Amino acid sequence: MLQLLDEVLNDTPPAPFLCAAADGDDYIDYNSDVDVRVSAVGPAGGALPGCAVAVDVSGNKTSVPINPEGRGAFILKRVGIQHNVGNDIYRFTVTFRWSGGGPVTRAVVIRSV
């Protein structure tokens, strides 16, 4: 949101839109795996050229494929995940790299058992 406001109100040049988020219903349900969606869209729309997305879950990095529209998704298995922030919150990161840019990292949080 801050990026959008900066571009509209301050007339700054458009920047890539990079986002990672867990599905809301999966975020709180201890018994389900978590659908996580990513978006890596260039300033003019469409996928960022040469974009690579990697998820870091407890030190294990996994690539996430991106479609031509700049979107991707993966399923995070809750098995073996223990909270690393607070009493029942697990935090992991998604890193974006593309031709001429990055790395840019986004944090995602879910409830953990």
N, C-alpha and C. Protein backbone atom coordinates (compact mmCIF):
# COMPACT_ATOMS: atom_id res chain seq x y z
N MET A 1 0.81 -1.17 0.00
CA MET A 1 0.00 0.00 0.00
C MET A 1 0.87 1.26 0.00
N LEU A 2 1.92 1.25 0.80
CA LEU A 2 2.80 2.42 0.85
C LEU A 2 3.44 2.69 -0.51
N GLN A 3 3.79 1.61 -1.20
CA GLN A 3 4.38 1.76 -2.53
C GLN A 3 3.39 2.44 -3.47
N LEU A 4 2.15 1.98 -3.47
CA LEU A 4 1.13 2.56 -4.33
C LEU A 4 0.91 4.04 -4.01
N LEU A 5 0.78 4.36 -2.74
CA LEU A 5 0.58 5.76 -2.36
C LEU A 5 1.76 6.63 -2.78
N ASP A 6 2.96 6.12 -2.61
CA ASP A 6 4.16 6.86 -3.00
C ASP A 6 4.17 7.13 -4.50
N GLU A 7 3.80 6.12 -5.29
CA GLU A 7 3.80 6.28 -6.74
C GLU A 7 2.70 7.25 -7.20
N VAL A 8 1.53 7.20 -6.56
CA VAL A 8 0.42 8.06 -6.98
C VAL A 8 0.57 9.48 -6.44
N LEU A 9 0.83 9.59 -5.15
CA LEU A 9 0.85 10.92 -4.53
C LEU A 9 2.16 11.67 -4.73
N ASN A 10 3.27 10.96 -4.77
CA ASN A 10 4.58 11.61 -4.90
C ASN A 10 5.17 11.50 -6.29
N ASP A 11 4.42 10.86 -7.20
CA ASP A 11 4.85 10.72 -8.59
C ASP A 11 6.22 10.05 -8.73
N THR A 12 6.51 9.07 -7.85
CA THR A 12 7.75 8.32 -7.98
C THR A 12 7.59 7.30 -9.11
N PRO A 13 8.68 6.92 -9.74
CA PRO A 13 8.58 5.93 -10.83
C PRO A 13 8.01 4.60 -10.33
N PRO A 14 7.20 3.95 -11.14
CA PRO A 14 6.65 2.65 -10.74
C PRO A 14 7.76 1.65 -10.46
N ALA A 15 7.57 0.87 -9.42
CA ALA A 15 8.52 -0.17 -9.03
C ALA A 15 7.85 -1.53 -9.15
N PRO A 16 8.61 -2.61 -9.19
CA PRO A 16 7.99 -3.94 -9.20
C PRO A 16 7.10 -4.14 -7.97
N PHE A 17 6.02 -4.88 -8.16
CA PHE A 17 5.15 -5.25 -7.06
C PHE A 17 5.53 -6.66 -6.63
N LEU A 18 5.98 -6.81 -5.40
CA LEU A 18 6.44 -8.09 -4.87
C LEU A 18 5.68 -8.40 -3.60
N CYS A 19 5.00 -9.54 -3.58
CA CYS A 19 4.15 -9.87 -2.45
C CYS A 19 4.17 -11.37 -2.19
N ALA A 20 4.07 -11.74 -0.91
CA ALA A 20 3.91 -13.13 -0.50
C ALA A 20 2.96 -13.15 0.67
N ALA A 21 1.96 -14.05 0.62
CA ALA A 21 0.97 -14.09 1.70
C ALA A 21 0.38 -15.49 1.83
N ALA A 22 0.10 -15.86 3.08
CA ALA A 22 -0.58 -17.13 3.36
C ALA A 22 -2.08 -16.90 3.24
N ASP A 23 -2.80 -17.90 2.73
CA ASP A 23 -4.25 -17.81 2.68
C ASP A 23 -4.78 -17.66 4.10
N GLY A 24 -5.71 -16.74 4.29
CA GLY A 24 -6.22 -16.41 5.61
C GLY A 24 -6.80 -17.58 6.37
N ASP A 25 -7.57 -18.44 5.69
CA ASP A 25 -8.18 -19.55 6.41
C ASP A 25 -7.15 -20.61 6.80
N ASP A 26 -6.10 -20.77 6.01
CA ASP A 26 -5.04 -21.72 6.33
C ASP A 26 -4.12 -21.19 7.43
N TYR A 27 -3.98 -19.89 7.49
CA TYR A 27 -3.09 -19.26 8.46
C TYR A 27 -3.43 -19.68 9.88
N ILE A 28 -4.71 -19.78 10.21
CA ILE A 28 -5.12 -20.03 11.59
C ILE A 28 -5.48 -21.48 11.87
N ASP A 29 -5.65 -22.31 10.86
CA ASP A 29 -6.07 -23.69 11.05
C ASP A 29 -4.86 -24.59 11.28
N TYR A 30 -4.66 -25.00 12.53
CA TYR A 30 -3.51 -25.84 12.87
C TYR A 30 -3.49 -27.17 12.12
N ASN A 31 -4.63 -27.65 11.68
CA ASN A 31 -4.72 -28.98 11.08
C ASN A 31 -4.52 -29.01 9.57
N SER A 32 -4.45 -27.86 8.94
CA SER A 32 -4.31 -27.87 7.48
C SER A 32 -2.92 -27.40 7.05
N ASP A 33 -2.55 -27.82 5.85
CA ASP A 33 -1.35 -27.26 5.24
C ASP A 33 -1.69 -25.83 4.84
N VAL A 34 -0.67 -25.05 4.52
CA VAL A 34 -0.88 -23.63 4.26
C VAL A 34 -0.60 -23.32 2.79
N ASP A 35 -1.61 -22.78 2.09
CA ASP A 35 -1.41 -22.29 0.74
C ASP A 35 -0.77 -20.91 0.83
N VAL A 36 0.37 -20.75 0.17
CA VAL A 36 1.06 -19.46 0.15
C VAL A 36 1.14 -19.02 -1.30
N ARG A 37 0.75 -17.79 -1.55
CA ARG A 37 0.75 -17.25 -2.91
C ARG A 37 1.77 -16.12 -3.00
N VAL A 38 2.42 -16.05 -4.15
CA VAL A 38 3.40 -14.99 -4.39
C VAL A 38 3.04 -14.26 -5.67
N SER A 39 3.46 -13.01 -5.73
CA SER A 39 3.25 -12.19 -6.92
C SER A 39 4.52 -11.39 -7.16
N ALA A 40 4.97 -11.40 -8.40
CA ALA A 40 6.16 -10.65 -8.80
C ALA A 40 5.87 -10.01 -10.15
N VAL A 41 5.29 -8.82 -10.09
CA VAL A 41 4.81 -8.15 -11.30
C VAL A 41 5.66 -6.91 -11.56
N GLY A 42 6.05 -6.75 -12.81
CA GLY A 42 6.83 -5.59 -13.20
C GLY A 42 6.01 -4.32 -13.24
N PRO A 43 6.66 -3.17 -13.31
CA PRO A 43 5.96 -1.88 -13.31
C PRO A 43 4.94 -1.74 -14.45
N ALA A 44 5.18 -2.40 -15.58
CA ALA A 44 4.27 -2.30 -16.72
C ALA A 44 3.29 -3.48 -16.77
N GLY A 45 3.31 -4.35 -15.75
CA GLY A 45 2.46 -5.54 -15.74
C GLY A 45 3.24 -6.75 -16.23
N GLY A 46 2.71 -7.92 -15.99
CA GLY A 46 3.37 -9.16 -16.37
C GLY A 46 4.53 -9.48 -15.44
N ALA A 47 5.04 -10.68 -15.58
CA ALA A 47 6.12 -11.16 -14.72
C ALA A 47 7.39 -10.33 -14.90
N LEU A 48 8.13 -10.17 -13.82
CA LEU A 48 9.43 -9.52 -13.92
C LEU A 48 10.36 -10.39 -14.76
N PRO A 49 11.13 -9.80 -15.67
CA PRO A 49 12.03 -10.59 -16.50
C PRO A 49 13.07 -11.33 -15.65
N GLY A 50 13.19 -12.62 -15.88
CA GLY A 50 14.19 -13.42 -15.17
C GLY A 50 13.93 -13.57 -13.70
N CYS A 51 12.69 -13.46 -13.28
CA CYS A 51 12.38 -13.51 -11.85
C CYS A 51 12.54 -14.92 -11.30
N ALA A 52 13.21 -15.01 -10.16
CA ALA A 52 13.34 -16.26 -9.42
C ALA A 52 12.86 -16.01 -8.01
N VAL A 53 12.05 -16.92 -7.50
CA VAL A 53 11.50 -16.79 -6.16
C VAL A 53 11.93 -17.99 -5.34
N ALA A 54 12.43 -17.74 -4.13
CA ALA A 54 12.85 -18.80 -3.24
C ALA A 54 12.22 -18.62 -1.86
N VAL A 55 11.72 -19.71 -1.30
CA VAL A 55 11.14 -19.72 0.03
C VAL A 55 12.16 -20.32 0.98
N ASP A 56 12.35 -19.68 2.13
CA ASP A 56 13.27 -20.18 3.15
C ASP A 56 12.47 -20.57 4.38
N VAL A 57 12.29 -21.89 4.56
CA VAL A 57 11.57 -22.43 5.70
C VAL A 57 12.58 -23.18 6.56
N SER A 58 12.89 -22.61 7.71
CA SER A 58 13.84 -23.21 8.66
C SER A 58 15.17 -23.55 8.01
N GLY A 59 15.65 -22.69 7.12
CA GLY A 59 16.94 -22.89 6.47
C GLY A 59 16.90 -23.72 5.20
N ASN A 60 15.76 -24.32 4.89
CA ASN A 60 15.60 -25.09 3.65
C ASN A 60 15.01 -24.18 2.59
N LYS A 61 15.79 -23.91 1.54
CA LYS A 61 15.33 -23.01 0.48
C LYS A 61 14.76 -23.81 -0.68
N THR A 62 13.59 -23.39 -1.13
CA THR A 62 12.88 -24.06 -2.21
C THR A 62 12.46 -23.03 -3.24
N SER A 63 12.66 -23.33 -4.51
CA SER A 63 12.24 -22.44 -5.60
C SER A 63 10.74 -22.55 -5.83
N VAL A 64 10.15 -21.42 -6.20
CA VAL A 64 8.73 -21.37 -6.53
C VAL A 64 8.61 -20.91 -7.97
N PRO A 65 7.99 -21.72 -8.84
CA PRO A 65 7.82 -21.28 -10.23
C PRO A 65 6.83 -20.13 -10.35
N ILE A 66 7.10 -19.24 -11.29
CA ILE A 66 6.26 -18.08 -11.55
C ILE A 66 5.66 -18.21 -12.95
N ASN A 67 4.35 -17.96 -13.08
CA ASN A 67 3.71 -18.07 -14.39
C ASN A 67 3.91 -16.77 -15.18
N PRO A 68 3.50 -16.72 -16.46
CA PRO A 68 3.71 -15.53 -17.29
C PRO A 68 3.04 -14.26 -16.77
N GLU A 69 2.05 -14.41 -15.91
CA GLU A 69 1.40 -13.23 -15.32
C GLU A 69 2.14 -12.73 -14.08
N GLY A 70 3.15 -13.47 -13.64
CA GLY A 70 3.92 -13.05 -12.47
C GLY A 70 3.42 -13.61 -11.16
N ARG A 71 2.68 -14.70 -11.21
CA ARG A 71 2.14 -15.29 -9.99
C ARG A 71 2.65 -16.70 -9.79
N GLY A 72 2.69 -17.11 -8.53
CA GLY A 72 3.09 -18.46 -8.18
C GLY A 72 2.47 -18.85 -6.86
N ALA A 73 2.59 -20.13 -6.50
CA ALA A 73 2.03 -20.61 -5.24
C ALA A 73 2.78 -21.85 -4.81
N PHE A 74 2.73 -22.12 -3.52
CA PHE A 74 3.28 -23.35 -2.98
C PHE A 74 2.50 -23.72 -1.73
N ILE A 75 2.64 -24.97 -1.32
CA ILE A 75 1.98 -25.45 -0.12
C ILE A 75 3.03 -25.67 0.96
N LEU A 76 2.82 -25.05 2.08
CA LEU A 76 3.71 -25.20 3.23
C LEU A 76 3.13 -26.26 4.14
N LYS A 77 3.85 -27.35 4.33
CA LYS A 77 3.42 -28.42 5.23
C LYS A 77 3.71 -28.00 6.67
N ARG A 78 2.75 -28.14 7.54
CA ARG A 78 2.95 -27.77 8.95
C ARG A 78 3.75 -28.81 9.73
N VAL A 79 3.87 -30.01 9.21
CA VAL A 79 4.57 -31.08 9.93
C VAL A 79 5.99 -30.63 10.27
N GLY A 80 6.32 -30.69 11.54
CA GLY A 80 7.67 -30.36 11.99
C GLY A 80 7.95 -28.89 12.20
N ILE A 81 6.99 -28.04 11.89
CA ILE A 81 7.21 -26.60 12.08
C ILE A 81 6.88 -26.23 13.52
N GLN A 82 7.81 -25.61 14.18
CA GLN A 82 7.61 -25.13 15.55
C GLN A 82 7.72 -23.61 15.54
N HIS A 83 6.99 -22.98 16.43
CA HIS A 83 6.97 -21.51 16.45
C HIS A 83 8.39 -20.96 16.63
N ASN A 84 8.65 -19.85 15.97
CA ASN A 84 9.93 -19.17 16.11
C ASN A 84 9.75 -17.69 16.45
N VAL A 85 8.49 -17.28 16.58
CA VAL A 85 8.16 -15.91 16.98
C VAL A 85 6.98 -16.01 17.95
N GLY A 86 7.14 -15.58 19.16
CA GLY A 86 6.04 -15.64 20.12
C GLY A 86 5.66 -17.07 20.47
N ASN A 87 4.47 -17.23 21.04
CA ASN A 87 4.03 -18.54 21.53
C ASN A 87 3.52 -19.48 20.45
N ASP A 88 2.90 -18.94 19.41
CA ASP A 88 2.33 -19.83 18.40
C ASP A 88 2.44 -19.27 16.99
N ILE A 89 3.48 -18.51 16.73
CA ILE A 89 3.66 -17.90 15.41
C ILE A 89 4.96 -18.42 14.79
N TYR A 90 4.86 -18.78 13.50
CA TYR A 90 6.03 -19.19 12.74
C TYR A 90 6.24 -18.18 11.62
N ARG A 91 7.46 -17.71 11.48
CA ARG A 91 7.82 -16.72 10.45
C ARG A 91 8.79 -17.35 9.47
N PHE A 92 8.53 -17.17 8.17
CA PHE A 92 9.47 -17.60 7.15
C PHE A 92 9.57 -16.50 6.10
N THR A 93 10.54 -16.63 5.20
CA THR A 93 10.77 -15.56 4.22
C THR A 93 10.66 -16.07 2.79
N VAL A 94 10.32 -15.15 1.92
CA VAL A 94 10.27 -15.38 0.47
C VAL A 94 11.16 -14.31 -0.16
N THR A 95 12.13 -14.75 -0.97
CA THR A 95 13.08 -13.83 -1.59
C THR A 95 12.89 -13.80 -3.10
N PHE A 96 12.85 -12.59 -3.65
CA PHE A 96 12.67 -12.37 -5.08
C PHE A 96 13.97 -11.82 -5.67
N ARG A 97 14.38 -12.38 -6.81
CA ARG A 97 15.52 -11.86 -7.59
C ARG A 97 15.07 -11.84 -9.04
N TRP A 98 15.48 -10.81 -9.77
CA TRP A 98 15.12 -10.72 -11.19
C TRP A 98 16.24 -10.01 -11.93
N SER A 99 16.17 -10.05 -13.26
CA SER A 99 17.19 -9.42 -14.09
C SER A 99 17.30 -7.95 -13.73
N GLY A 100 18.44 -7.56 -13.20
CA GLY A 100 18.67 -6.17 -12.84
C GLY A 100 18.11 -5.76 -11.50
N GLY A 101 17.67 -6.70 -10.68
CA GLY A 101 17.11 -6.31 -9.39
C GLY A 101 17.14 -7.40 -8.35
N GLY A 102 16.92 -6.99 -7.13
CA GLY A 102 16.86 -7.92 -6.01
C GLY A 102 18.21 -8.07 -5.36
N PRO A 103 18.31 -8.82 -4.33
CA PRO A 103 17.22 -9.56 -3.72
C PRO A 103 16.32 -8.66 -2.88
N VAL A 104 15.03 -9.00 -2.90
CA VAL A 104 14.03 -8.36 -2.05
C VAL A 104 13.35 -9.48 -1.28
N THR A 105 13.25 -9.31 0.03
CA THR A 105 12.69 -10.36 0.88
C THR A 105 11.40 -9.89 1.53
N ARG A 106 10.43 -10.78 1.55
CA ARG A 106 9.15 -10.54 2.23
C ARG A 106 8.99 -11.61 3.31
N ALA A 107 8.49 -11.21 4.46
CA ALA A 107 8.22 -12.14 5.55
C ALA A 107 6.76 -12.58 5.53
N VAL A 108 6.51 -13.84 5.87
CA VAL A 108 5.17 -14.38 5.98
C VAL A 108 5.06 -15.03 7.35
N VAL A 109 3.93 -14.84 8.03
CA VAL A 109 3.74 -15.45 9.33
C VAL A 109 2.48 -16.30 9.31
N ILE A 110 2.54 -17.43 10.05
CA ILE A 110 1.40 -18.31 10.24
C ILE A 110 1.37 -18.76 11.69
N ARG A 111 0.26 -19.31 12.13
CA ARG A 111 0.21 -19.92 13.45
C ARG A 111 0.85 -21.29 13.37
N SER A 112 1.55 -21.66 14.40
CA SER A 112 2.19 -22.98 14.43
C SER A 112 1.78 -23.73 15.68
N VAL A 113 2.03 -25.02 15.67
CA VAL A 113 1.67 -25.84 16.84
C VAL A 113 2.84 -25.97 17.78
